Amino acid sequence: MQIEIQLGPQPIDTRRALPDEFRDGTGALAEFSGLVRGEESGREIAALEYEAYSPMAERVMRELITELGRRHPCRFVRVTHRTGLVPVGAAAIHLTIAARHRAEAFAMLTEFMDRLKQDVPIWKRRALSREEFKARPNP
């Protein structure tokens, strides 16, 4: 199984294609985008801020995918997680999973997302109101 992990502040391109070498023999392609909602803990927000301990987060994600791959054999897994400020409507995480059959792809996706929140050192630092988001300096 090939594993790609990207963690950083860049906006996520959710339309990235599956690498050509995985097209033949792949019967299922499962994708998931986790978007920032306009509400957090009952209040309206404009963005979420994510923080990660990147070296450890990448290592734990790779170990987790490898472990899950023993039960749900997949051919390719790409995880892209954004850090820093992520505005409402933008993807905070995107997964692309290629497998021979849909059951393995869906199981990998579901179990990975469940475990990500428990095991991987990525945190929602804070939710920004519209006023806070507008007042922030432009990078």
C-alpha atoms as a PDB file:
ATOM      1  CA  MET A   1       0.000   0.000   0.000  1.00  0.00           C
ATOM      2  CA  GLN A   2       1.309   3.431  -0.891  1.00  0.00           C
ATOM      3  CA  ILE A   3       0.679   6.133   1.716  1.00  0.00           C
ATOM      4  CA  GLU A   4       0.870   9.889   1.128  1.00  0.00           C
ATOM      5  CA  ILE A   5       0.473  12.301   4.035  1.00  0.00           C
ATOM      6  CA  GLN A   6       0.470  16.074   3.726  1.00  0.00           C
ATOM      7  CA  LEU A   7       0.067  18.413   6.658  1.00  0.00           C
ATOM      8  CA  GLY A   8       0.317  22.186   6.319  1.00  0.00           C
ATOM      9  CA  PRO A   9      -1.366  25.559   5.932  1.00  0.00           C
ATOM     10  CA  GLN A  10      -1.994  25.392   2.185  1.00  0.00           C
ATOM     11  CA  PRO A  11      -5.601  25.136   0.947  1.00  0.00           C
ATOM     12  CA  ILE A  12      -6.461  21.538   0.058  1.00  0.00           C
ATOM     13  CA  ASP A  13      -6.982  20.640  -3.591  1.00  0.00           C
ATOM     14  CA  THR A  14      -9.797  18.091  -3.303  1.00  0.00           C
ATOM     15  CA  ARG A  15      -9.658  17.357  -7.039  1.00  0.00           C
ATOM     16  CA  ARG A  16      -6.197  15.758  -7.095  1.00  0.00           C
ATOM     17  CA  ALA A  17      -6.264  12.665  -9.266  1.00  0.00           C
ATOM     18  CA  LEU A  18      -5.392   9.158  -8.237  1.00  0.00           C
ATOM     19  CA  PRO A  19      -1.828   8.348  -9.409  1.00  0.00           C
ATOM     20  CA  ASP A  20      -1.903   6.509 -12.738  1.00  0.00           C
ATOM     21  CA  GLU A  21      -0.176   3.389 -11.367  1.00  0.00           C
ATOM     22  CA  PHE A  22      -3.239   2.664  -9.205  1.00  0.00           C
ATOM     23  CA  ARG A  23      -5.909   2.959 -11.896  1.00  0.00           C
ATOM     24  CA  ASP A  24      -5.546  -0.625 -13.136  1.00  0.00           C
ATOM     25  CA  GLY A  25      -6.814  -3.033 -10.483  1.00  0.00           C
ATOM     26  CA  THR A  26      -8.661  -0.400  -8.454  1.00  0.00           C
ATOM     27  CA  GLY A  27     -12.366  -1.136  -8.221  1.00  0.00           C
ATOM     28  CA  ALA A  28     -13.224   1.458  -5.565  1.00  0.00           C
ATOM     29  CA  LEU A  29     -12.152   5.025  -4.967  1.00  0.00           C
ATOM     30  CA  ALA A  30     -13.461   6.514  -1.721  1.00  0.00           C
ATOM     31  CA  GLU A  31     -12.969  10.195  -0.988  1.00  0.00           C
ATOM     32  CA  PHE A  32     -13.929  12.268   2.010  1.00  0.00           C
ATOM     33  CA  SER A  33     -13.643  15.978   2.690  1.00  0.00           C
ATOM     34  CA  GLY A  34     -14.172  17.329   6.187  1.00  0.00           C
ATOM     35  CA  LEU A  35     -15.391  20.915   5.782  1.00  0.00           C
ATOM     36  CA  VAL A  36     -15.467  23.689   8.362  1.00  0.00           C
ATOM     37  CA  ARG A  37     -19.076  24.368   9.323  1.00  0.00           C
ATOM     38  CA  GLY A  38     -20.337  27.862  10.101  1.00  0.00           C
ATOM     39  CA  GLU A  39     -21.153  26.875  13.682  1.00  0.00           C
ATOM     40  CA  GLU A  40     -19.046  25.578  16.553  1.00  0.00           C
ATOM     41  CA  SER A  41     -20.387  24.795  20.034  1.00  0.00           C
ATOM     42  CA  GLY A  42     -23.656  26.560  19.250  1.00  0.00           C
ATOM     43  CA  ARG A  43     -22.151  29.824  18.019  1.00  0.00           C
ATOM     44  CA  GLU A  44     -21.630  31.209  14.538  1.00  0.00           C
ATOM     45  CA  ILE A  45     -18.011  31.210  13.347  1.00  0.00           C
ATOM     46  CA  ALA A  46     -15.996  32.309  10.309  1.00  0.00           C
ATOM     47  CA  ALA A  47     -13.002  29.952  10.668  1.00  0.00           C
ATOM     48  CA  LEU A  48     -11.312  27.307  12.771  1.00  0.00           C
ATOM     49  CA  GLU A  49      -7.659  27.323  13.692  1.00  0.00           C
ATOM     50  CA  TYR A  50      -5.855  23.967  13.658  1.00  0.00           C
ATOM     51  CA  GLU A  51      -2.533  23.218  15.284  1.00  0.00           C
ATOM     52  CA  ALA A  52      -0.438  20.070  14.923  1.00  0.00           C
ATOM     53  CA  TYR A  53       2.757  18.554  16.168  1.00  0.00           C
ATOM     54  CA  SER A  54       3.656  17.737  12.564  1.00  0.00           C
ATOM     55  CA  PRO A  55       6.433  15.123  12.839  1.00  0.00           C
ATOM     56  CA  MET A  56       4.480  13.081  15.359  1.00  0.00           C
ATOM     57  CA  ALA A  57       1.129  13.587  13.590  1.00  0.00           C
ATOM     58  CA  GLU A  58       2.549  12.325  10.303  1.00  0.00           C
ATOM     59  CA  ARG A  59       4.205   9.340  11.994  1.00  0.00           C
ATOM     60  CA  VAL A  60       1.032   8.391  13.900  1.00  0.00           C
ATOM     61  CA  MET A  61      -1.123   8.715  10.763  1.00  0.00           C
ATOM     62  CA  ARG A  62       1.262   6.465   8.805  1.00  0.00           C
ATOM     63  CA  GLU A  63       1.285   3.860  11.614  1.00  0.00           C
ATOM     64  CA  LEU A  64      -2.503   4.016  11.880  1.00  0.00           C
ATOM     65  CA  ILE A  65      -3.003   3.531   8.137  1.00  0.00           C
ATOM     66  CA  THR A  66      -0.543   0.623   8.147  1.00  0.00           C
ATOM     67  CA  GLU A  67      -2.367  -1.011  11.079  1.00  0.00           C
ATOM     68  CA  LEU A  68      -5.802  -0.531   9.476  1.00  0.00           C
ATOM     69  CA  GLY A  69      -4.432  -1.807   6.158  1.00  0.00           C
ATOM     70  CA  ARG A  70      -3.852  -5.224   7.720  1.00  0.00           C
ATOM     71  CA  ARG A  71      -7.617  -5.571   8.234  1.00  0.00           C
ATOM     72  CA  HIS A  72      -8.740  -3.509   5.236  1.00  0.00           C
ATOM     73  CA  PRO A  73      -6.220  -4.017   2.431  1.00  0.00           C
ATOM     74  CA  CYS A  74      -6.115  -0.941   0.231  1.00  0.00           C
ATOM     75  CA  ARG A  75      -3.782   0.008  -2.582  1.00  0.00           C
ATOM     76  CA  PHE A  76      -3.341   3.730  -1.938  1.00  0.00           C
ATOM     77  CA  VAL A  77      -4.191   6.161   0.860  1.00  0.00           C
ATOM     78  CA  ARG A  78      -3.676   9.916   0.699  1.00  0.00           C
ATOM     79  CA  VAL A  79      -4.398  12.084   3.749  1.00  0.00           C
ATOM     80  CA  THR A  80      -4.189  15.862   3.494  1.00  0.00           C
ATOM     81  CA  HIS A  81      -4.851  17.846   6.685  1.00  0.00           C
ATOM     82  CA  ARG A  82      -4.725  21.606   6.858  1.00  0.00           C
ATOM     83  CA  THR A  83      -3.232  23.558   9.751  1.00  0.00           C
ATOM     84  CA  GLY A  84      -3.585  27.219  10.649  1.00  0.00           C
ATOM     85  CA  LEU A  85      -6.750  29.168   9.856  1.00  0.00           C
ATOM     86  CA  VAL A  86      -9.334  27.295   7.792  1.00  0.00           C
ATOM     87  CA  PRO A  87     -12.352  29.394   6.760  1.00  0.00           C
ATOM     88  CA  VAL A  88     -15.944  28.177   6.792  1.00  0.00           C
ATOM     89  CA  GLY A  89     -16.680  26.033   3.740  1.00  0.00           C
ATOM     90  CA  ALA A  90     -13.039  25.034   3.168  1.00  0.00           C
ATOM     91  CA  ALA A  91     -11.707  21.519   3.646  1.00  0.00           C
ATOM     92  CA  ALA A  92      -9.773  20.892   6.857  1.00  0.00           C
ATOM     93  CA  ILE A  93      -9.066  17.286   5.837  1.00  0.00           C
ATOM     94  CA  HIS A  94      -9.319  15.247   2.646  1.00  0.00           C
ATOM     95  CA  LEU A  95      -8.809  11.507   2.188  1.00  0.00           C
ATOM     96  CA  THR A  96      -8.434   9.570  -1.041  1.00  0.00           C
ATOM     97  CA  ILE A  97      -8.480   5.784  -0.727  1.00  0.00           C
ATOM     98  CA  ALA A  98      -8.111   3.292  -3.570  1.00  0.00           C
ATOM     99  CA  ALA A  99      -8.915  -0.377  -3.053  1.00  0.00           C
ATOM    100  CA  ARG A 100      -9.915  -3.385  -5.096  1.00  0.00           C
ATOM    101  CA  HIS A 101     -13.375  -3.378  -3.492  1.00  0.00           C
ATOM    102  CA  ARG A 102     -15.597  -0.751  -1.859  1.00  0.00           C
ATOM    103  CA  ALA A 103     -15.868  -2.536   1.503  1.00  0.00           C
ATOM    104  CA  GLU A 104     -12.143  -2.137   2.191  1.00  0.00           C
ATOM    105  CA  ALA A 105     -12.099   1.502   1.053  1.00  0.00           C
ATOM    106  CA  PHE A 106     -15.122   2.483   3.164  1.00  0.00           C
ATOM    107  CA  ALA A 107     -13.868   0.586   6.218  1.00  0.00           C
ATOM    108  CA  MET A 108     -10.423   2.228   5.970  1.00  0.00           C
ATOM    109  CA  LEU A 109     -11.969   5.662   5.627  1.00  0.00           C
ATOM    110  CA  THR A 110     -14.411   5.244   8.507  1.00  0.00           C
ATOM    111  CA  GLU A 111     -11.953   3.705  10.952  1.00  0.00           C
ATOM    112  CA  PHE A 112      -9.218   6.170  10.081  1.00  0.00           C
ATOM    113  CA  MET A 113     -11.469   9.175  10.735  1.00  0.00           C
ATOM    114  CA  ASP A 114     -12.644   7.699  14.042  1.00  0.00           C
ATOM    115  CA  ARG A 115      -9.086   7.065  15.199  1.00  0.00           C
ATOM    116  CA  LEU A 116      -7.674  10.352  13.867  1.00  0.00           C
ATOM    117  CA  LYS A 117      -9.558  12.354  16.473  1.00  0.00           C
ATOM    118  CA  GLN A 118      -8.416  10.029  19.277  1.00  0.00           C
ATOM    119  CA  ASP A 119      -4.801   9.301  18.386  1.00  0.00           C
ATOM    120  CA  VAL A 120      -3.294  11.994  16.169  1.00  0.00           C
ATOM    121  CA  PRO A 121      -1.821  15.183  17.705  1.00  0.00           C
ATOM    122  CA  ILE A 122      -3.873  17.671  15.682  1.00  0.00           C
ATOM    123  CA  TRP A 123      -6.059  20.066  17.619  1.00  0.00           C
ATOM    124  CA  LYS A 124      -8.711  22.640  16.922  1.00  0.00           C
ATOM    125  CA  ARG A 125      -7.131  25.540  18.782  1.00  0.00           C
ATOM    126  CA  ARG A 126      -9.995  27.963  18.523  1.00  0.00           C
ATOM    127  CA  ALA A 127     -12.981  29.086  16.536  1.00  0.00           C
ATOM    128  CA  LEU A 128     -12.891  32.619  15.158  1.00  0.00           C
ATOM    129  CA  SER A 129     -15.942  34.841  14.989  1.00  0.00           C
ATOM    130  CA  ARG A 130     -16.519  36.890  11.841  1.00  0.00           C
ATOM    131  CA  GLU A 131     -15.138  39.958  13.602  1.00  0.00           C
ATOM    132  CA  GLU A 132     -11.971  38.144  14.708  1.00  0.00           C
ATOM    133  CA  PHE A 133     -11.493  36.670  11.245  1.00  0.00           C
ATOM    134  CA  LYS A 134     -11.890  40.049   9.511  1.00  0.00           C
ATOM    135  CA  ALA A 135      -9.552  41.771  12.000  1.00  0.00           C
ATOM    136  CA  ARG A 136      -6.660  39.342  11.521  1.00  0.00           C
ATOM    137  CA  PRO A 137      -3.652  40.642   9.588  1.00  0.00           C
ATOM    138  CA  ASN A 138      -3.371  39.400   6.013  1.00  0.00           C
ATOM    139  CA  PRO A 139      -0.341  37.125   5.524  1.00  0.00           C
END
